[in-house]
């Protein structure tokens, strides 16, 4: 990514732990809680405060909880991106 001028930011370890908890104890079980969405937005806001200009939702379950933008920062649904590229590849 750096080769293309992109600097990747990652959440703090405690935020990674929180996101993993939300994914594995809730989302993969079909549980979608507004409180968890609020917590995820806080994690994203911390990344924005550290300079993030876009957020990759790099887990297929995260778009179940959050989509669109947070504080005008675009969220990238990587599952959707992969599906679109796979379809484009398959139909070329």
N, C-alpha and C. Protein backbone atom coordinates (compact mmCIF):
# COMPACT_ATOMS: atom_id res chain seq x y z
N UNK A 1 0.82 -1.19 0.00
CA UNK A 1 0.00 0.00 0.00
C UNK A 1 0.86 1.25 0.00
N UNK A 2 1.96 1.21 0.73
CA UNK A 2 2.85 2.38 0.78
C UNK A 2 3.38 2.73 -0.60
N UNK A 3 3.60 1.71 -1.42
CA UNK A 3 4.08 1.91 -2.78
C UNK A 3 3.14 2.82 -3.57
N UNK A 4 1.87 2.80 -3.18
CA UNK A 4 0.86 3.62 -3.83
C UNK A 4 0.48 4.85 -3.02
N UNK A 5 1.31 5.18 -2.01
CA UNK A 5 1.08 6.38 -1.22
C UNK A 5 -0.02 6.24 -0.17
N UNK A 6 -0.33 5.00 0.20
CA UNK A 6 -1.39 4.77 1.18
C UNK A 6 -0.76 4.29 2.48
N UNK A 7 -1.06 4.97 3.56
CA UNK A 7 -0.58 4.59 4.88
C UNK A 7 -1.74 3.94 5.62
N UNK A 8 -1.58 2.70 6.01
CA UNK A 8 -2.65 1.98 6.70
C UNK A 8 -2.57 2.23 8.21
N UNK A 9 -3.71 2.58 8.78
CA UNK A 9 -3.83 2.73 10.23
C UNK A 9 -4.60 1.53 10.75
N UNK A 10 -4.27 1.08 11.93
CA UNK A 10 -5.02 -0.01 12.55
C UNK A 10 -5.51 0.45 13.92
N UNK A 11 -6.61 -0.13 14.37
CA UNK A 11 -7.11 0.22 15.71
C UNK A 11 -6.12 -0.17 16.80
N UNK A 12 -6.29 0.45 17.95
CA UNK A 12 -5.50 0.09 19.12
C UNK A 12 -5.85 -1.34 19.54
N UNK A 13 -4.93 -2.05 20.23
CA UNK A 13 -5.20 -3.44 20.61
C UNK A 13 -6.52 -3.64 21.35
N UNK A 14 -6.88 -2.73 22.25
CA UNK A 14 -8.13 -2.89 22.99
C UNK A 14 -9.34 -2.71 22.06
N UNK A 15 -9.19 -1.88 21.03
CA UNK A 15 -10.27 -1.71 20.05
C UNK A 15 -10.38 -2.93 19.14
N UNK A 16 -9.24 -3.51 18.79
CA UNK A 16 -9.27 -4.76 18.01
C UNK A 16 -9.99 -5.84 18.79
N UNK A 17 -9.70 -5.94 20.07
CA UNK A 17 -10.36 -6.92 20.93
C UNK A 17 -11.87 -6.69 20.96
N UNK A 18 -12.28 -5.44 21.08
CA UNK A 18 -13.70 -5.10 21.10
C UNK A 18 -14.37 -5.48 19.77
N UNK A 19 -13.74 -5.12 18.65
CA UNK A 19 -14.31 -5.44 17.34
C UNK A 19 -14.41 -6.96 17.17
N UNK A 20 -13.39 -7.68 17.55
CA UNK A 20 -13.44 -9.14 17.45
C UNK A 20 -14.57 -9.72 18.31
N UNK A 21 -14.76 -9.17 19.48
CA UNK A 21 -15.85 -9.62 20.36
C UNK A 21 -17.20 -9.39 19.67
N UNK A 22 -17.38 -8.21 19.10
CA UNK A 22 -18.64 -7.91 18.41
C UNK A 22 -18.84 -8.87 17.24
N UNK A 23 -17.79 -9.13 16.49
CA UNK A 23 -17.90 -10.03 15.33
C UNK A 23 -18.25 -11.45 15.78
N UNK A 24 -17.44 -12.01 16.67
CA UNK A 24 -17.56 -13.44 16.99
C UNK A 24 -18.63 -13.79 18.02
N UNK A 25 -18.97 -12.85 18.89
CA UNK A 25 -19.99 -13.15 19.89
C UNK A 25 -21.37 -12.65 19.51
N UNK A 26 -21.42 -11.79 18.48
CA UNK A 26 -22.71 -11.25 18.08
C UNK A 26 -23.00 -11.47 16.60
N UNK A 27 -22.25 -10.80 15.74
CA UNK A 27 -22.60 -10.77 14.32
C UNK A 27 -22.63 -12.15 13.66
N UNK A 28 -21.63 -12.99 13.93
CA UNK A 28 -21.65 -14.32 13.31
C UNK A 28 -22.81 -15.19 13.83
N UNK A 29 -23.40 -14.76 14.92
CA UNK A 29 -24.56 -15.47 15.50
C UNK A 29 -25.88 -14.80 15.11
N UNK A 30 -25.78 -13.79 14.25
CA UNK A 30 -26.99 -13.10 13.80
C UNK A 30 -27.52 -12.06 14.76
N UNK A 31 -26.71 -11.67 15.74
CA UNK A 31 -27.12 -10.68 16.73
C UNK A 31 -26.59 -9.31 16.29
N UNK A 32 -27.48 -8.36 16.08
CA UNK A 32 -27.11 -7.01 15.68
C UNK A 32 -27.65 -6.05 16.73
N UNK A 33 -26.75 -5.43 17.49
CA UNK A 33 -27.14 -4.55 18.60
C UNK A 33 -26.76 -3.11 18.32
N UNK A 34 -27.65 -2.20 18.62
CA UNK A 34 -27.37 -0.78 18.42
C UNK A 34 -26.20 -0.32 19.29
N UNK A 35 -26.07 -0.89 20.48
CA UNK A 35 -24.95 -0.54 21.36
C UNK A 35 -23.61 -0.92 20.71
N UNK A 36 -23.58 -2.06 20.05
CA UNK A 36 -22.34 -2.49 19.38
C UNK A 36 -22.02 -1.57 18.21
N UNK A 37 -23.05 -1.10 17.52
CA UNK A 37 -22.83 -0.14 16.43
C UNK A 37 -22.21 1.14 16.99
N UNK A 38 -22.72 1.62 18.11
CA UNK A 38 -22.16 2.82 18.73
C UNK A 38 -20.69 2.61 19.09
N UNK A 39 -20.37 1.42 19.62
CA UNK A 39 -18.99 1.12 19.99
C UNK A 39 -18.09 1.08 18.75
N UNK A 40 -18.58 0.48 17.67
CA UNK A 40 -17.81 0.41 16.43
C UNK A 40 -17.60 1.81 15.86
N UNK A 41 -18.60 2.65 15.92
CA UNK A 41 -18.46 4.04 15.44
C UNK A 41 -17.38 4.75 16.25
N UNK A 42 -17.30 4.51 17.55
CA UNK A 42 -16.27 5.13 18.38
C UNK A 42 -14.87 4.68 17.94
N UNK A 43 -14.72 3.41 17.61
CA UNK A 43 -13.44 2.89 17.12
C UNK A 43 -13.08 3.59 15.81
N UNK A 44 -14.05 3.71 14.92
CA UNK A 44 -13.83 4.38 13.64
C UNK A 44 -13.48 5.85 13.86
N UNK A 45 -14.16 6.51 14.77
CA UNK A 45 -13.88 7.93 15.06
C UNK A 45 -12.45 8.12 15.57
N UNK A 46 -11.95 7.17 16.35
CA UNK A 46 -10.56 7.25 16.82
C UNK A 46 -9.61 7.18 15.63
N UNK A 47 -9.90 6.30 14.67
CA UNK A 47 -9.05 6.19 13.48
C UNK A 47 -9.11 7.49 12.67
N UNK A 48 -10.30 8.06 12.56
CA UNK A 48 -10.44 9.34 11.85
C UNK A 48 -9.64 10.42 12.55
N UNK A 49 -9.70 10.46 13.87
CA UNK A 49 -8.92 11.44 14.64
C UNK A 49 -7.42 11.28 14.41
N UNK A 50 -6.99 10.05 14.07
CA UNK A 50 -5.58 9.78 13.80
C UNK A 50 -5.22 9.96 12.34
N UNK A 51 -6.19 10.45 11.53
CA UNK A 51 -5.88 10.78 10.15
C UNK A 51 -6.49 9.89 9.09
N UNK A 52 -7.29 8.91 9.47
CA UNK A 52 -7.90 8.02 8.47
C UNK A 52 -8.79 8.82 7.53
N UNK A 53 -8.67 8.53 6.24
CA UNK A 53 -9.50 9.20 5.22
C UNK A 53 -10.51 8.24 4.61
N UNK A 54 -10.46 6.99 5.01
CA UNK A 54 -11.39 5.96 4.59
C UNK A 54 -11.23 4.78 5.52
N UNK A 55 -12.28 3.98 5.65
CA UNK A 55 -12.24 2.84 6.57
C UNK A 55 -12.61 1.57 5.81
N UNK A 56 -11.72 0.59 5.83
CA UNK A 56 -12.01 -0.70 5.21
C UNK A 56 -12.70 -1.59 6.24
N UNK A 57 -13.92 -1.98 5.94
CA UNK A 57 -14.64 -2.93 6.79
C UNK A 57 -14.18 -4.32 6.34
N UNK A 58 -13.03 -4.71 6.85
CA UNK A 58 -12.33 -5.89 6.34
C UNK A 58 -12.78 -7.18 7.00
N UNK A 59 -14.04 -7.27 7.29
CA UNK A 59 -14.67 -8.50 7.79
C UNK A 59 -16.06 -8.54 7.17
N UNK A 60 -16.44 -9.67 6.64
CA UNK A 60 -17.72 -9.75 5.93
C UNK A 60 -18.91 -9.44 6.82
N UNK A 61 -18.79 -9.59 8.13
CA UNK A 61 -19.91 -9.34 9.03
C UNK A 61 -20.10 -7.88 9.40
N UNK A 62 -19.06 -7.08 9.33
CA UNK A 62 -19.16 -5.69 9.80
C UNK A 62 -20.21 -4.87 9.05
N UNK A 63 -20.42 -5.04 7.74
CA UNK A 63 -21.48 -4.28 7.08
C UNK A 63 -22.89 -4.65 7.55
N UNK A 64 -23.04 -5.72 8.30
CA UNK A 64 -24.33 -6.02 8.90
C UNK A 64 -24.67 -4.98 9.97
N UNK A 65 -23.64 -4.39 10.52
CA UNK A 65 -23.80 -3.45 11.62
C UNK A 65 -23.70 -2.00 11.19
N UNK A 66 -22.87 -1.74 10.19
CA UNK A 66 -22.60 -0.34 9.83
C UNK A 66 -22.32 -0.24 8.32
N UNK A 67 -22.86 0.79 7.70
CA UNK A 67 -22.66 1.03 6.27
C UNK A 67 -22.56 2.52 6.00
N UNK A 68 -22.23 2.87 4.78
CA UNK A 68 -22.25 4.27 4.38
C UNK A 68 -21.02 5.04 4.77
N UNK A 69 -21.22 6.04 5.64
CA UNK A 69 -20.13 6.91 6.08
C UNK A 69 -20.23 7.12 7.58
N UNK A 70 -19.10 7.47 8.17
CA UNK A 70 -19.05 7.91 9.56
C UNK A 70 -18.29 9.23 9.52
N UNK A 71 -18.94 10.29 9.99
CA UNK A 71 -18.32 11.63 9.97
C UNK A 71 -17.81 12.00 8.58
N UNK A 72 -18.59 11.67 7.56
CA UNK A 72 -18.25 11.96 6.16
C UNK A 72 -17.03 11.19 5.65
N UNK A 73 -16.61 10.15 6.35
CA UNK A 73 -15.53 9.29 5.89
C UNK A 73 -16.16 8.03 5.31
N UNK A 74 -15.78 7.70 4.09
CA UNK A 74 -16.35 6.54 3.40
C UNK A 74 -15.91 5.23 4.06
N UNK A 75 -16.87 4.33 4.18
CA UNK A 75 -16.61 2.97 4.65
C UNK A 75 -16.58 2.05 3.44
N UNK A 76 -15.54 1.24 3.33
CA UNK A 76 -15.39 0.32 2.20
C UNK A 76 -15.77 -1.09 2.63
N UNK A 77 -16.82 -1.60 2.01
CA UNK A 77 -17.32 -2.95 2.28
C UNK A 77 -16.48 -3.92 1.44
N UNK A 78 -15.50 -4.54 2.05
CA UNK A 78 -14.57 -5.37 1.29
C UNK A 78 -15.23 -6.62 0.72
N UNK A 79 -16.26 -7.13 1.37
CA UNK A 79 -16.97 -8.28 0.82
C UNK A 79 -17.64 -7.89 -0.50
N UNK A 80 -18.26 -6.73 -0.53
CA UNK A 80 -18.91 -6.24 -1.75
C UNK A 80 -17.88 -5.97 -2.84
N UNK A 81 -16.77 -5.36 -2.46
CA UNK A 81 -15.71 -5.07 -3.43
C UNK A 81 -15.19 -6.36 -4.06
N UNK A 82 -14.95 -7.38 -3.24
CA UNK A 82 -14.48 -8.67 -3.77
C UNK A 82 -15.52 -9.31 -4.68
N UNK A 83 -16.77 -9.25 -4.29
CA UNK A 83 -17.84 -9.85 -5.10
C UNK A 83 -17.94 -9.17 -6.47
N UNK A 84 -17.86 -7.86 -6.48
CA UNK A 84 -17.93 -7.12 -7.74
C UNK A 84 -16.74 -7.48 -8.64
N UNK A 85 -15.55 -7.50 -8.08
CA UNK A 85 -14.36 -7.83 -8.86
C UNK A 85 -14.41 -9.28 -9.36
N UNK A 86 -14.91 -10.19 -8.53
CA UNK A 86 -15.04 -11.59 -8.96
C UNK A 86 -16.01 -11.71 -10.13
N UNK A 87 -17.12 -11.00 -10.06
CA UNK A 87 -18.07 -11.00 -11.16
C UNK A 87 -17.47 -10.41 -12.42
N UNK A 88 -16.77 -9.29 -12.28
CA UNK A 88 -16.11 -8.68 -13.45
C UNK A 88 -15.11 -9.65 -14.07
N UNK A 89 -14.32 -10.31 -13.24
CA UNK A 89 -13.34 -11.28 -13.73
C UNK A 89 -14.03 -12.44 -14.44
N UNK A 90 -15.10 -12.93 -13.84
CA UNK A 90 -15.80 -14.10 -14.40
C UNK A 90 -16.51 -13.78 -15.72
N UNK A 91 -16.88 -12.52 -15.92
CA UNK A 91 -17.63 -12.17 -17.12
C UNK A 91 -16.76 -11.54 -18.21
N UNK A 92 -15.45 -11.49 -18.01
CA UNK A 92 -14.56 -10.94 -19.05
C UNK A 92 -14.24 -11.96 -20.09
